[in-house]
Amino acid sequence: MSVKLYIHVKQAMKATTLQVRDELLNHEGLERFFNARFQVKSTTNQSEVVGGEGTKRTVKIGPISFDEVITVVNDDTICYAVVGDAPVKNHLGTIKLYNSGSYCEVDYTITCQSNTLLPGFILSWFIKRDVTSALFKLATYFDSHHQPSSEVRERHES
């Protein structure tokens, strides 16, 4: 019996929604944050955003690899799905980005079903731990490398 898993993680970071979106769409640079390697397999010219809708990537976590496709990208949303054979099935990831003063609130939700003998609560724990760690590393990256544009700071100071 396959149990549906729901993982939800929130993280605030000192960046604009577009800065966060663009960093999360820098697929081959994501290993700085996630405990995985990402390799772009193909892109589409239909998307106005580099690395956006239609981009297919291979994700490698240790000996396990699987493919993902970016399904939706706009100024405040990234959605993706795991396709093909993977340790999870029906995996859908939704990343919502909200402006909150001089910060961006990242709201990351994953729904999926286990495709392994690993109990769902353990798989859920591993996924949540990795996403929580990745978002913390991303927030730290923005704290030390980037500041929101002066336009955003001025708008919120008024």
N, C-alpha and C. Protein backbone atom coordinates (compact mmCIF):
# COMPACT_ATOMS: atom_id res chain seq x y z
N MET A 1 0.84 -1.18 0.00
CA MET A 1 0.00 0.00 0.00
C MET A 1 0.88 1.24 0.00
N SER A 2 0.59 2.17 -0.87
CA SER A 2 1.36 3.39 -1.01
C SER A 2 0.68 4.52 -0.25
N VAL A 3 1.44 5.15 0.65
CA VAL A 3 0.91 6.23 1.46
C VAL A 3 1.27 7.57 0.82
N LYS A 4 0.31 8.48 0.77
CA LYS A 4 0.57 9.81 0.22
C LYS A 4 1.33 10.62 1.26
N LEU A 5 2.41 11.26 0.81
CA LEU A 5 3.24 12.07 1.69
C LEU A 5 3.01 13.55 1.39
N TYR A 6 3.07 14.36 2.41
CA TYR A 6 2.92 15.80 2.28
C TYR A 6 4.04 16.45 3.09
N ILE A 7 4.89 17.19 2.41
CA ILE A 7 6.01 17.86 3.06
C ILE A 7 5.83 19.36 2.83
N HIS A 8 5.97 20.13 3.90
CA HIS A 8 5.78 21.57 3.80
C HIS A 8 6.87 22.27 4.60
N VAL A 9 7.61 23.17 3.95
CA VAL A 9 8.70 23.89 4.60
C VAL A 9 8.59 25.37 4.23
N LYS A 10 8.81 26.24 5.22
CA LYS A 10 8.82 27.69 4.97
C LYS A 10 10.17 28.24 5.42
N GLN A 11 10.63 29.27 4.69
CA GLN A 11 11.89 29.92 5.04
C GLN A 11 11.85 31.36 4.54
N ALA A 12 12.26 32.29 5.39
CA ALA A 12 12.39 33.68 4.97
C ALA A 12 13.83 33.92 4.55
N MET A 13 14.02 34.76 3.53
CA MET A 13 15.37 35.11 3.11
C MET A 13 15.41 36.55 2.63
N LYS A 14 16.57 37.16 2.82
CA LYS A 14 16.76 38.57 2.48
C LYS A 14 17.07 38.69 1.00
N ALA A 15 16.02 38.65 0.19
CA ALA A 15 16.14 38.71 -1.27
C ALA A 15 14.77 39.05 -1.83
N THR A 16 14.75 39.40 -3.09
CA THR A 16 13.47 39.61 -3.77
C THR A 16 12.96 38.27 -4.28
N THR A 17 11.69 38.22 -4.60
CA THR A 17 11.14 36.97 -5.14
C THR A 17 11.83 36.60 -6.45
N LEU A 18 12.16 37.57 -7.27
CA LEU A 18 12.82 37.27 -8.55
C LEU A 18 14.24 36.76 -8.34
N GLN A 19 14.95 37.28 -7.34
CA GLN A 19 16.29 36.77 -7.04
C GLN A 19 16.22 35.31 -6.60
N VAL A 20 15.26 34.99 -5.75
CA VAL A 20 15.12 33.61 -5.27
C VAL A 20 14.70 32.71 -6.43
N ARG A 21 13.72 33.15 -7.21
CA ARG A 21 13.27 32.35 -8.36
C ARG A 21 14.43 32.05 -9.29
N ASP A 22 15.19 33.08 -9.64
CA ASP A 22 16.29 32.89 -10.58
C ASP A 22 17.36 31.96 -10.02
N GLU A 23 17.63 32.05 -8.73
CA GLU A 23 18.64 31.16 -8.13
C GLU A 23 18.14 29.71 -8.14
N LEU A 24 16.85 29.51 -7.88
CA LEU A 24 16.29 28.15 -7.89
C LEU A 24 16.19 27.59 -9.31
N LEU A 25 16.22 28.44 -10.32
CA LEU A 25 16.20 27.97 -11.71
C LEU A 25 17.61 27.85 -12.29
N ASN A 26 18.62 28.15 -11.51
CA ASN A 26 20.00 27.92 -11.90
C ASN A 26 20.30 26.46 -11.55
N HIS A 27 19.75 25.55 -12.34
CA HIS A 27 19.70 24.13 -12.03
C HIS A 27 21.06 23.54 -11.66
N GLU A 28 22.06 23.81 -12.48
CA GLU A 28 23.36 23.18 -12.24
C GLU A 28 24.09 23.79 -11.05
N GLY A 29 23.58 24.89 -10.50
CA GLY A 29 24.16 25.47 -9.29
C GLY A 29 23.42 25.06 -8.02
N LEU A 30 22.37 24.27 -8.16
CA LEU A 30 21.56 23.90 -6.99
C LEU A 30 22.28 23.00 -6.00
N GLU A 31 23.33 22.31 -6.44
CA GLU A 31 24.03 21.42 -5.52
C GLU A 31 24.72 22.21 -4.40
N ARG A 32 24.84 23.53 -4.55
CA ARG A 32 25.36 24.36 -3.46
C ARG A 32 24.40 24.35 -2.28
N PHE A 33 23.13 24.07 -2.54
CA PHE A 33 22.11 24.14 -1.50
C PHE A 33 21.52 22.77 -1.16
N PHE A 34 21.23 21.97 -2.19
CA PHE A 34 20.63 20.66 -1.99
C PHE A 34 21.71 19.58 -1.94
N ASN A 35 21.44 18.48 -1.26
CA ASN A 35 22.35 17.35 -1.21
C ASN A 35 22.12 16.48 -2.44
N ALA A 36 22.25 17.08 -3.61
CA ALA A 36 22.01 16.38 -4.87
C ALA A 36 22.75 17.12 -5.98
N ARG A 37 22.91 16.42 -7.08
CA ARG A 37 23.46 17.05 -8.29
C ARG A 37 22.34 17.16 -9.31
N PHE A 38 22.33 18.27 -10.01
CA PHE A 38 21.30 18.54 -11.01
C PHE A 38 21.99 18.75 -12.36
N GLN A 39 21.51 18.04 -13.38
CA GLN A 39 22.06 18.20 -14.72
C GLN A 39 20.91 18.44 -15.69
N VAL A 40 20.97 19.55 -16.40
CA VAL A 40 19.93 19.88 -17.38
C VAL A 40 20.05 18.94 -18.57
N LYS A 41 18.93 18.30 -18.91
CA LYS A 41 18.88 17.40 -20.07
C LYS A 41 18.39 18.12 -21.31
N SER A 42 17.40 18.98 -21.13
CA SER A 42 16.87 19.74 -22.26
C SER A 42 16.12 20.96 -21.75
N THR A 43 16.05 21.96 -22.61
CA THR A 43 15.29 23.16 -22.30
C THR A 43 14.35 23.44 -23.46
N THR A 44 13.47 24.36 -23.25
CA THR A 44 12.55 24.75 -24.30
C THR A 44 12.65 26.25 -24.50
N ASN A 45 12.43 26.69 -25.69
CA ASN A 45 12.47 28.13 -25.96
C ASN A 45 11.12 28.78 -25.70
N GLN A 46 10.13 27.99 -25.31
CA GLN A 46 8.80 28.53 -25.06
C GLN A 46 8.76 29.40 -23.81
N SER A 47 9.66 29.12 -22.87
CA SER A 47 9.66 29.85 -21.61
C SER A 47 10.42 31.16 -21.77
N GLU A 48 9.88 32.22 -21.18
CA GLU A 48 10.57 33.51 -21.19
C GLU A 48 11.65 33.55 -20.12
N VAL A 49 11.65 32.59 -19.20
CA VAL A 49 12.59 32.56 -18.09
C VAL A 49 13.61 31.46 -18.35
N VAL A 50 14.90 31.80 -18.25
CA VAL A 50 15.96 30.80 -18.45
C VAL A 50 15.80 29.69 -17.42
N GLY A 51 15.81 28.44 -17.89
CA GLY A 51 15.65 27.29 -16.99
C GLY A 51 14.22 27.07 -16.56
N GLY A 52 13.27 27.73 -17.22
CA GLY A 52 11.87 27.69 -16.81
C GLY A 52 11.08 26.54 -17.38
N GLU A 53 9.80 26.79 -17.63
CA GLU A 53 8.86 25.77 -18.08
C GLU A 53 9.42 24.92 -19.20
N GLY A 54 9.25 23.60 -19.04
CA GLY A 54 9.69 22.67 -20.06
C GLY A 54 11.10 22.16 -19.86
N THR A 55 11.86 22.77 -18.95
CA THR A 55 13.23 22.30 -18.70
C THR A 55 13.17 20.93 -18.04
N LYS A 56 13.98 20.01 -18.56
CA LYS A 56 14.09 18.67 -17.97
C LYS A 56 15.48 18.53 -17.37
N ARG A 57 15.53 17.96 -16.16
CA ARG A 57 16.81 17.80 -15.49
C ARG A 57 16.88 16.43 -14.83
N THR A 58 18.10 15.93 -14.69
CA THR A 58 18.34 14.70 -13.95
C THR A 58 18.85 15.09 -12.57
N VAL A 59 18.27 14.48 -11.55
CA VAL A 59 18.68 14.72 -10.17
C VAL A 59 19.36 13.46 -9.67
N LYS A 60 20.55 13.61 -9.09
CA LYS A 60 21.29 12.46 -8.58
C LYS A 60 21.56 12.68 -7.10
N ILE A 61 21.04 11.78 -6.28
CA ILE A 61 21.25 11.80 -4.83
C ILE A 61 21.94 10.50 -4.48
N GLY A 62 23.24 10.56 -4.23
CA GLY A 62 24.00 9.33 -3.99
C GLY A 62 23.87 8.42 -5.20
N PRO A 63 23.49 7.14 -4.98
CA PRO A 63 23.37 6.21 -6.11
C PRO A 63 22.03 6.31 -6.85
N ILE A 64 21.13 7.12 -6.35
CA ILE A 64 19.78 7.22 -6.92
C ILE A 64 19.71 8.40 -7.88
N SER A 65 19.12 8.18 -9.05
CA SER A 65 18.90 9.30 -9.97
C SER A 65 17.49 9.19 -10.55
N PHE A 66 16.94 10.35 -10.87
CA PHE A 66 15.60 10.43 -11.45
C PHE A 66 15.49 11.73 -12.22
N ASP A 67 14.46 11.83 -13.02
CA ASP A 67 14.26 13.02 -13.86
C ASP A 67 13.11 13.87 -13.33
N GLU A 68 13.26 15.17 -13.50
CA GLU A 68 12.22 16.14 -13.16
C GLU A 68 11.99 17.04 -14.36
N VAL A 69 10.79 17.57 -14.45
CA VAL A 69 10.47 18.56 -15.48
C VAL A 69 9.83 19.76 -14.79
N ILE A 70 10.26 20.96 -15.19
CA ILE A 70 9.68 22.19 -14.66
C ILE A 70 8.37 22.41 -15.42
N THR A 71 7.26 22.51 -14.68
CA THR A 71 5.95 22.59 -15.32
C THR A 71 5.35 24.00 -15.31
N VAL A 72 5.69 24.81 -14.31
CA VAL A 72 5.15 26.17 -14.21
C VAL A 72 6.24 27.08 -13.66
N VAL A 73 6.39 28.25 -14.28
CA VAL A 73 7.27 29.28 -13.75
C VAL A 73 6.63 30.63 -14.02
N ASN A 74 6.55 31.44 -12.96
CA ASN A 74 6.19 32.84 -13.13
C ASN A 74 6.94 33.63 -12.07
N ASP A 75 6.60 34.87 -11.86
CA ASP A 75 7.37 35.70 -10.93
C ASP A 75 7.39 35.17 -9.51
N ASP A 76 6.35 34.45 -9.10
CA ASP A 76 6.28 34.01 -7.71
C ASP A 76 6.00 32.52 -7.52
N THR A 77 6.15 31.72 -8.57
CA THR A 77 5.85 30.29 -8.46
C THR A 77 6.78 29.47 -9.34
N ILE A 78 7.24 28.34 -8.79
CA ILE A 78 7.93 27.32 -9.57
C ILE A 78 7.26 25.99 -9.22
N CYS A 79 6.85 25.25 -10.23
CA CYS A 79 6.29 23.91 -10.02
C CYS A 79 7.08 22.92 -10.86
N TYR A 80 7.26 21.72 -10.32
CA TYR A 80 7.97 20.68 -11.06
C TYR A 80 7.35 19.33 -10.71
N ALA A 81 7.65 18.34 -11.56
CA ALA A 81 7.16 16.98 -11.33
C ALA A 81 8.29 16.00 -11.60
N VAL A 82 8.34 14.94 -10.81
CA VAL A 82 9.26 13.84 -11.08
C VAL A 82 8.60 12.97 -12.14
N VAL A 83 9.38 12.60 -13.16
CA VAL A 83 8.85 11.79 -14.25
C VAL A 83 9.65 10.50 -14.36
N GLY A 84 8.99 9.46 -14.84
CA GLY A 84 9.67 8.18 -15.04
C GLY A 84 9.88 7.43 -13.74
N ASP A 85 10.82 6.50 -13.78
CA ASP A 85 11.11 5.63 -12.64
C ASP A 85 11.84 6.42 -11.56
N ALA A 86 11.33 6.38 -10.34
CA ALA A 86 11.92 7.13 -9.23
C ALA A 86 11.54 6.47 -7.91
N PRO A 87 12.24 6.84 -6.82
CA PRO A 87 11.89 6.29 -5.51
C PRO A 87 10.53 6.77 -5.00
N VAL A 88 9.99 7.80 -5.65
CA VAL A 88 8.66 8.29 -5.31
C VAL A 88 7.84 8.36 -6.59
N LYS A 89 6.53 8.29 -6.44
CA LYS A 89 5.66 8.46 -7.61
C LYS A 89 4.69 9.59 -7.32
N ASN A 90 4.15 10.14 -8.38
CA ASN A 90 3.22 11.27 -8.28
C ASN A 90 3.82 12.43 -7.48
N HIS A 91 5.13 12.64 -7.65
CA HIS A 91 5.85 13.70 -6.93
C HIS A 91 5.61 15.03 -7.63
N LEU A 92 5.02 15.95 -6.89
CA LEU A 92 4.79 17.31 -7.38
C LEU A 92 5.38 18.28 -6.37
N GLY A 93 6.20 19.19 -6.84
CA GLY A 93 6.78 20.20 -5.97
C GLY A 93 6.25 21.57 -6.37
N THR A 94 5.86 22.36 -5.38
CA THR A 94 5.38 23.72 -5.62
C THR A 94 6.14 24.66 -4.70
N ILE A 95 6.78 25.65 -5.30
CA ILE A 95 7.52 26.65 -4.54
C ILE A 95 6.83 27.99 -4.78
N LYS A 96 6.25 28.53 -3.72
CA LYS A 96 5.58 29.84 -3.80
C LYS A 96 6.49 30.86 -3.12
N LEU A 97 6.60 32.03 -3.74
CA LEU A 97 7.46 33.10 -3.24
C LEU A 97 6.60 34.32 -2.93
N TYR A 98 6.75 34.85 -1.72
CA TYR A 98 5.95 36.00 -1.29
C TYR A 98 6.86 37.13 -0.84
N ASN A 99 6.60 38.35 -1.30
CA ASN A 99 7.31 39.52 -0.78
C ASN A 99 6.79 39.80 0.62
N SER A 100 7.71 40.01 1.55
CA SER A 100 7.34 40.30 2.93
C SER A 100 8.30 41.36 3.45
N GLY A 101 8.00 42.60 3.15
CA GLY A 101 8.93 43.67 3.51
C GLY A 101 10.19 43.54 2.69
N SER A 102 11.33 43.52 3.35
CA SER A 102 12.60 43.38 2.63
C SER A 102 13.01 41.91 2.49
N TYR A 103 12.09 41.02 2.81
CA TYR A 103 12.37 39.59 2.73
C TYR A 103 11.47 38.91 1.71
N CYS A 104 11.90 37.73 1.33
CA CYS A 104 11.07 36.85 0.51
C CYS A 104 10.72 35.65 1.38
N GLU A 105 9.45 35.34 1.47
CA GLU A 105 9.00 34.14 2.17
C GLU A 105 8.89 33.02 1.14
N VAL A 106 9.61 31.94 1.37
CA VAL A 106 9.57 30.78 0.48
C VAL A 106 8.68 29.73 1.13
N ASP A 107 7.69 29.27 0.40
CA ASP A 107 6.74 28.27 0.87
C ASP A 107 6.86 27.08 -0.08
N TYR A 108 7.50 26.00 0.37
CA TYR A 108 7.84 24.86 -0.48
C TYR A 108 6.99 23.66 -0.04
N THR A 109 6.20 23.14 -0.97
CA THR A 109 5.33 22.00 -0.69
C THR A 109 5.64 20.87 -1.66
N ILE A 110 5.72 19.67 -1.13
CA ILE A 110 5.91 18.47 -1.95
C ILE A 110 4.83 17.48 -1.58
N THR A 111 4.17 16.93 -2.59
CA THR A 111 3.28 15.79 -2.38
C THR A 111 3.81 14.66 -3.24
N CYS A 112 3.77 13.45 -2.70
CA CYS A 112 4.25 12.29 -3.45
C CYS A 112 3.78 11.02 -2.75
N GLN A 113 4.09 9.90 -3.36
CA GLN A 113 3.83 8.60 -2.76
C GLN A 113 5.12 7.80 -2.83
N SER A 114 5.39 7.03 -1.79
CA SER A 114 6.59 6.21 -1.75
C SER A 114 6.51 5.13 -2.82
N ASN A 115 7.63 4.89 -3.45
CA ASN A 115 7.74 3.84 -4.46
C ASN A 115 8.79 2.82 -4.01
N THR A 116 9.07 2.81 -2.69
CA THR A 116 10.08 1.93 -2.12
C THR A 116 9.49 1.20 -0.91
N LEU A 117 10.29 0.32 -0.34
CA LEU A 117 9.86 -0.38 0.88
C LEU A 117 10.08 0.47 2.13
N LEU A 118 10.73 1.61 1.97
CA LEU A 118 10.97 2.51 3.08
C LEU A 118 9.64 3.05 3.61
N PRO A 119 9.41 2.97 4.92
CA PRO A 119 8.15 3.51 5.47
C PRO A 119 8.00 4.99 5.13
N GLY A 120 6.76 5.40 4.87
CA GLY A 120 6.48 6.76 4.45
C GLY A 120 6.99 7.82 5.40
N PHE A 121 6.87 7.59 6.71
CA PHE A 121 7.29 8.62 7.67
C PHE A 121 8.80 8.82 7.62
N ILE A 122 9.55 7.77 7.31
CA ILE A 122 11.01 7.91 7.20
C ILE A 122 11.37 8.66 5.92
N LEU A 123 10.74 8.28 4.81
CA LEU A 123 10.99 8.97 3.54
C LEU A 123 10.61 10.45 3.67
N SER A 124 9.48 10.72 4.30
CA SER A 124 9.04 12.10 4.51
C SER A 124 10.06 12.88 5.34
N TRP A 125 10.60 12.25 6.38
CA TRP A 125 11.60 12.88 7.23
C TRP A 125 12.84 13.24 6.43
N PHE A 126 13.33 12.31 5.59
CA PHE A 126 14.52 12.57 4.77
C PHE A 126 14.29 13.73 3.80
N ILE A 127 13.14 13.71 3.14
CA ILE A 127 12.85 14.77 2.17
C ILE A 127 12.75 16.12 2.88
N LYS A 128 12.02 16.16 4.00
CA LYS A 128 11.85 17.42 4.73
C LYS A 128 13.19 17.93 5.25
N ARG A 129 14.02 17.04 5.74
CA ARG A 129 15.34 17.44 6.24
C ARG A 129 16.17 18.07 5.12
N ASP A 130 16.14 17.46 3.93
CA ASP A 130 16.93 17.98 2.81
C ASP A 130 16.40 19.33 2.35
N VAL A 131 15.09 19.47 2.23
CA VAL A 131 14.51 20.75 1.78
C VAL A 131 14.76 21.84 2.82
N THR A 132 14.58 21.53 4.09
CA THR A 132 14.83 22.50 5.16
C THR A 132 16.28 22.98 5.13
N SER A 133 17.20 22.04 5.00
CA SER A 133 18.62 22.37 4.94
C SER A 133 18.93 23.21 3.71
N ALA A 134 18.36 22.85 2.57
CA ALA A 134 18.61 23.58 1.32
C ALA A 134 18.11 25.02 1.41
N LEU A 135 16.92 25.21 1.95
CA LEU A 135 16.38 26.56 2.06
C LEU A 135 17.17 27.40 3.06
N PHE A 136 17.66 26.77 4.12
CA PHE A 136 18.51 27.48 5.07
C PHE A 136 19.81 27.92 4.40
N LYS A 137 20.41 27.02 3.61
CA LYS A 137 21.65 27.36 2.88
C LYS A 137 21.39 28.48 1.87
N LEU A 138 20.25 28.44 1.21
CA LEU A 138 19.89 29.49 0.25
C LEU A 138 19.73 30.83 0.97
N ALA A 139 19.07 30.82 2.12
CA ALA A 139 18.91 32.05 2.91
C ALA A 139 20.26 32.59 3.35
N THR A 140 21.15 31.71 3.78
CA THR A 140 22.49 32.11 4.19
C THR A 140 23.26 32.69 3.01
N TYR A 141 23.09 32.10 1.85
CA TYR A 141 23.73 32.60 0.62
C TYR A 141 23.29 34.04 0.36
N PHE A 142 22.00 34.30 0.44
CA PHE A 142 21.52 35.66 0.19
C PHE A 142 21.98 36.62 1.28
N ASP A 143 22.05 36.15 2.52
CA ASP A 143 22.53 37.01 3.61
C ASP A 143 23.97 37.45 3.37
N SER A 144 24.80 36.55 2.82
CA SER A 144 26.22 36.87 2.68
C SER A 144 26.62 37.37 1.30
N HIS A 145 25.81 37.13 0.27
CA HIS A 145 26.21 37.48 -1.09
C HIS A 145 25.33 38.53 -1.77
N HIS A 146 24.11 38.61 -1.40
CA HIS A 146 23.19 39.49 -2.13
C HIS A 146 22.36 40.30 -1.14
N GLN A 147 22.02 41.46 -1.57
CA GLN A 147 21.07 42.29 -0.84
C GLN A 147 19.94 42.61 -1.79
N PRO A 148 18.73 42.76 -1.29
CA PRO A 148 17.65 43.17 -2.18
C PRO A 148 18.01 44.49 -2.85
N SER A 149 17.51 44.68 -4.04
CA SER A 149 17.82 45.91 -4.78
C SER A 149 17.36 47.12 -3.99
N SER A 150 18.01 48.26 -4.22
CA SER A 150 17.66 49.48 -3.48
C SER A 150 16.21 49.88 -3.76
N GLU A 151 15.72 49.56 -4.96
CA GLU A 151 14.33 49.87 -5.30
C GLU A 151 13.37 49.18 -4.32
N VAL A 152 13.66 47.93 -3.99
CA VAL A 152 12.80 47.19 -3.07
C VAL A 152 12.94 47.76 -1.67
N ARG A 153 14.17 48.05 -1.22
CA ARG A 153 14.37 48.61 0.11
C ARG A 153 13.66 49.96 0.24
N GLU A 154 13.79 50.81 -0.78
CA GLU A 154 13.17 52.13 -0.73
C GLU A 154 11.65 52.03 -0.68
N ARG A 155 11.10 51.11 -1.45
CA ARG A 155 9.65 50.96 -1.50
C ARG A 155 9.11 50.57 -0.13
N HIS A 156 9.84 49.73 0.60
CA HIS A 156 9.36 49.27 1.89
C HIS A 156 9.69 50.24 3.02
N GLU A 157 10.64 51.14 2.81
CA GLU A 157 10.98 52.12 3.83
C GLU A 157 10.01 53.29 3.83
N SER A 158 9.32 53.53 2.74
CA SER A 158 8.41 54.67 2.61
C SER A 158 7.21 54.53 3.51
